[in-house]
N, C-alpha and C. Protein backbone atom coordinates (compact mmCIF):
# COMPACT_ATOMS: atom_id res chain seq x y z
N UNK A 1 112.26 101.00 104.91
CA UNK A 1 111.24 100.15 105.49
C UNK A 1 110.98 100.58 106.92
N UNK A 2 109.72 100.77 107.25
CA UNK A 2 109.34 101.18 108.59
C UNK A 2 108.32 100.18 109.12
N UNK A 3 108.58 99.59 110.29
CA UNK A 3 107.59 98.67 110.86
C UNK A 3 106.29 99.41 111.20
N UNK A 4 105.18 98.75 110.91
CA UNK A 4 103.86 99.30 111.24
C UNK A 4 103.03 98.21 111.91
N UNK A 5 102.04 98.63 112.65
CA UNK A 5 101.12 97.65 113.23
C UNK A 5 99.72 97.94 112.75
N UNK A 6 98.93 96.90 112.60
CA UNK A 6 97.54 97.05 112.21
C UNK A 6 96.77 97.49 113.46
N UNK A 7 96.33 98.73 113.49
CA UNK A 7 95.63 99.27 114.64
C UNK A 7 94.16 98.85 114.64
N UNK A 8 93.57 98.80 113.44
CA UNK A 8 92.13 98.52 113.37
C UNK A 8 91.75 98.14 111.94
N UNK A 9 90.88 97.15 111.82
CA UNK A 9 90.30 96.82 110.52
C UNK A 9 88.95 97.52 110.48
N UNK A 10 88.85 98.56 109.67
CA UNK A 10 87.66 99.39 109.66
C UNK A 10 86.50 98.75 108.91
N UNK A 11 86.77 98.18 107.73
CA UNK A 11 85.68 97.56 106.97
C UNK A 11 86.23 96.61 105.91
N UNK A 12 85.40 95.67 105.53
CA UNK A 12 85.72 94.76 104.44
C UNK A 12 84.96 95.25 103.22
N UNK A 13 85.62 95.25 102.06
CA UNK A 13 85.09 95.84 100.84
C UNK A 13 84.89 94.77 99.78
N UNK A 14 83.79 94.86 99.02
CA UNK A 14 83.57 93.99 97.87
C UNK A 14 84.52 94.43 96.77
N UNK A 15 85.37 93.54 96.30
CA UNK A 15 86.39 93.90 95.31
C UNK A 15 85.80 94.34 93.98
N UNK A 16 84.65 93.78 93.60
CA UNK A 16 84.09 94.10 92.28
C UNK A 16 83.32 95.42 92.28
N UNK A 17 82.62 95.73 93.36
CA UNK A 17 81.80 96.95 93.39
C UNK A 17 82.42 98.09 94.18
N UNK A 18 83.32 97.77 95.11
CA UNK A 18 83.91 98.80 95.95
C UNK A 18 83.02 99.20 97.12
N UNK A 19 81.90 98.50 97.28
CA UNK A 19 80.97 98.81 98.36
C UNK A 19 81.39 98.10 99.65
N UNK A 20 81.07 98.72 100.78
CA UNK A 20 81.37 98.13 102.08
C UNK A 20 80.47 96.92 102.32
N UNK A 21 81.09 95.79 102.65
CA UNK A 21 80.35 94.56 102.91
C UNK A 21 80.11 94.37 104.40
N UNK A 22 81.13 94.69 105.21
CA UNK A 22 81.05 94.47 106.65
C UNK A 22 81.86 95.54 107.37
N UNK A 23 81.28 96.11 108.41
CA UNK A 23 81.97 97.12 109.20
C UNK A 23 82.60 96.45 110.43
N UNK A 24 83.83 96.81 110.76
CA UNK A 24 84.58 96.26 111.89
C UNK A 24 84.61 94.73 111.91
N UNK A 25 85.11 94.09 110.84
CA UNK A 25 85.17 92.63 110.82
C UNK A 25 86.21 92.11 111.82
N UNK A 26 86.04 90.87 112.24
CA UNK A 26 87.00 90.24 113.15
C UNK A 26 88.36 90.10 112.48
N UNK A 27 88.36 89.78 111.18
CA UNK A 27 89.60 89.60 110.44
C UNK A 27 89.31 89.61 108.94
N UNK A 28 90.36 89.49 108.17
CA UNK A 28 90.22 89.42 106.72
C UNK A 28 91.00 88.20 106.23
N UNK A 29 90.59 87.67 105.09
CA UNK A 29 91.20 86.46 104.54
C UNK A 29 91.95 86.78 103.26
N UNK A 30 92.67 85.80 102.79
CA UNK A 30 93.40 85.92 101.54
C UNK A 30 92.43 86.28 100.41
N UNK A 31 92.74 87.32 99.65
CA UNK A 31 91.90 87.75 98.54
C UNK A 31 90.89 88.82 98.91
N UNK A 32 90.70 89.11 100.20
CA UNK A 32 89.76 90.15 100.63
C UNK A 32 90.35 91.53 100.38
N UNK A 33 89.46 92.51 100.20
CA UNK A 33 89.84 93.91 100.16
C UNK A 33 89.30 94.55 101.43
N UNK A 34 90.06 95.46 102.01
CA UNK A 34 89.63 96.05 103.28
C UNK A 34 90.21 97.45 103.44
N UNK A 35 89.59 98.20 104.32
CA UNK A 35 90.13 99.48 104.75
C UNK A 35 90.67 99.25 106.16
N UNK A 36 91.98 99.51 106.31
CA UNK A 36 92.69 99.19 107.55
C UNK A 36 93.45 100.42 108.01
N UNK A 37 93.49 100.63 109.32
CA UNK A 37 94.28 101.72 109.89
C UNK A 37 95.61 101.16 110.37
N UNK A 38 96.69 101.65 109.78
CA UNK A 38 98.04 101.23 110.15
C UNK A 38 98.72 102.34 110.94
N UNK A 39 99.50 101.95 111.94
CA UNK A 39 100.25 102.92 112.74
C UNK A 39 101.73 102.60 112.62
N UNK A 40 102.54 103.52 112.08
CA UNK A 40 103.98 103.27 111.99
C UNK A 40 104.64 103.37 113.36
N UNK A 41 105.69 102.57 113.55
CA UNK A 41 106.44 102.58 114.81
C UNK A 41 107.34 103.80 114.88
N UNK A 42 107.90 104.20 113.73
CA UNK A 42 108.77 105.37 113.64
C UNK A 42 108.14 106.37 112.68
N UNK A 43 108.59 107.63 112.71
CA UNK A 43 108.07 108.61 111.74
C UNK A 43 108.24 108.11 110.31
N UNK A 44 107.27 108.46 109.48
CA UNK A 44 107.22 107.94 108.11
C UNK A 44 106.73 109.03 107.19
N UNK A 45 107.36 109.15 106.03
CA UNK A 45 106.96 110.16 105.04
C UNK A 45 106.03 109.53 104.01
N UNK A 46 104.74 109.86 104.08
CA UNK A 46 103.74 109.36 103.14
C UNK A 46 102.79 110.49 102.77
N UNK A 47 102.00 110.25 101.76
CA UNK A 47 100.98 111.21 101.33
C UNK A 47 99.80 110.40 100.81
N UNK A 48 98.65 111.02 100.70
CA UNK A 48 97.51 110.29 100.15
C UNK A 48 97.76 110.03 98.67
N UNK A 49 97.20 108.93 98.17
CA UNK A 49 97.36 108.56 96.77
C UNK A 49 96.81 109.66 95.86
N UNK A 50 95.70 110.29 96.25
CA UNK A 50 95.08 111.33 95.44
C UNK A 50 95.98 112.56 95.33
N UNK A 51 96.73 112.89 96.38
CA UNK A 51 97.60 114.07 96.36
C UNK A 51 98.92 113.83 95.65
N UNK A 52 99.52 112.66 95.88
CA UNK A 52 100.82 112.36 95.29
C UNK A 52 100.99 110.84 95.22
N UNK A 53 100.69 110.28 94.07
CA UNK A 53 100.64 108.83 93.90
C UNK A 53 101.94 108.09 94.29
N UNK A 54 103.13 108.59 93.96
CA UNK A 54 104.33 107.84 94.33
C UNK A 54 104.49 107.63 95.85
N UNK A 55 104.02 108.56 96.66
CA UNK A 55 104.10 108.40 98.12
C UNK A 55 102.80 107.85 98.70
N UNK A 56 101.86 107.51 97.85
CA UNK A 56 100.55 107.05 98.32
C UNK A 56 100.32 105.56 98.19
N UNK A 57 101.37 104.80 97.89
CA UNK A 57 101.25 103.35 97.79
C UNK A 57 102.05 102.70 98.91
N UNK A 58 101.64 101.48 99.30
CA UNK A 58 102.39 100.76 100.32
C UNK A 58 102.32 99.27 100.08
N UNK A 59 103.23 98.55 100.72
CA UNK A 59 103.24 97.08 100.72
C UNK A 59 103.48 96.63 102.16
N UNK A 60 102.77 95.62 102.57
CA UNK A 60 102.95 95.03 103.90
C UNK A 60 103.68 93.71 103.70
N UNK A 61 104.82 93.57 104.37
CA UNK A 61 105.62 92.36 104.22
C UNK A 61 105.83 91.71 105.58
N UNK A 62 105.92 90.39 105.57
CA UNK A 62 106.19 89.62 106.77
C UNK A 62 107.12 88.48 106.39
N UNK A 63 108.27 88.42 107.01
CA UNK A 63 109.26 87.38 106.74
C UNK A 63 109.58 87.29 105.24
N UNK A 64 109.86 88.44 104.63
CA UNK A 64 110.23 88.54 103.21
C UNK A 64 109.13 88.10 102.25
N UNK A 65 107.90 88.06 102.71
CA UNK A 65 106.75 87.72 101.88
C UNK A 65 105.78 88.88 101.87
N UNK A 66 105.35 89.30 100.70
CA UNK A 66 104.36 90.37 100.59
C UNK A 66 103.00 89.79 100.93
N UNK A 67 102.34 90.37 101.95
CA UNK A 67 101.03 89.86 102.36
C UNK A 67 99.91 90.83 102.01
N UNK A 68 100.25 92.08 101.68
CA UNK A 68 99.21 93.04 101.30
C UNK A 68 99.85 94.20 100.54
N UNK A 69 99.09 94.79 99.64
CA UNK A 69 99.48 96.01 98.94
C UNK A 69 98.25 96.92 98.89
N UNK A 70 98.50 98.20 98.77
CA UNK A 70 97.36 99.09 98.70
C UNK A 70 97.76 100.53 98.48
N UNK A 71 96.79 101.41 98.68
CA UNK A 71 97.06 102.84 98.56
C UNK A 71 96.50 103.56 99.77
N UNK A 72 97.06 104.73 100.04
CA UNK A 72 96.73 105.51 101.24
C UNK A 72 95.56 106.44 100.92
N UNK A 73 94.49 106.33 101.70
CA UNK A 73 93.31 107.17 101.50
C UNK A 73 93.31 108.39 102.43
N UNK A 74 93.93 108.25 103.60
CA UNK A 74 93.91 109.33 104.59
C UNK A 74 95.18 109.28 105.41
N UNK A 75 95.71 110.44 105.78
CA UNK A 75 96.90 110.54 106.61
C UNK A 75 96.58 111.42 107.82
N UNK A 76 96.87 110.90 109.01
CA UNK A 76 96.72 111.69 110.23
C UNK A 76 98.13 112.13 110.62
N UNK A 77 98.40 113.43 110.48
CA UNK A 77 99.72 113.97 110.73
C UNK A 77 99.86 114.35 112.20
N UNK A 78 101.02 114.01 112.76
CA UNK A 78 101.32 114.36 114.15
C UNK A 78 102.61 115.15 114.18
N UNK A 79 102.70 116.07 115.11
CA UNK A 79 103.93 116.85 115.28
C UNK A 79 104.99 115.97 115.91
N UNK A 80 106.21 116.09 115.43
CA UNK A 80 107.31 115.25 115.94
C UNK A 80 107.83 115.77 117.26
């Protein structure tokens, strides 16, 4: 488990069509789908879902409660 912070909410997505509903929303609610940029606090080994599905999924937890699940669309790699 690696702590991450939500750096930016890029867009809110319609769950049925997959189309972008709102760009740069103030927030998202329970049941919404969104594209979000997460920044890990420590180095983390991940891959895009398209390249390698087992390393392309994630879960966001807070106080032992799962608050979000999803898959990784893009990875920005940095040198350690």
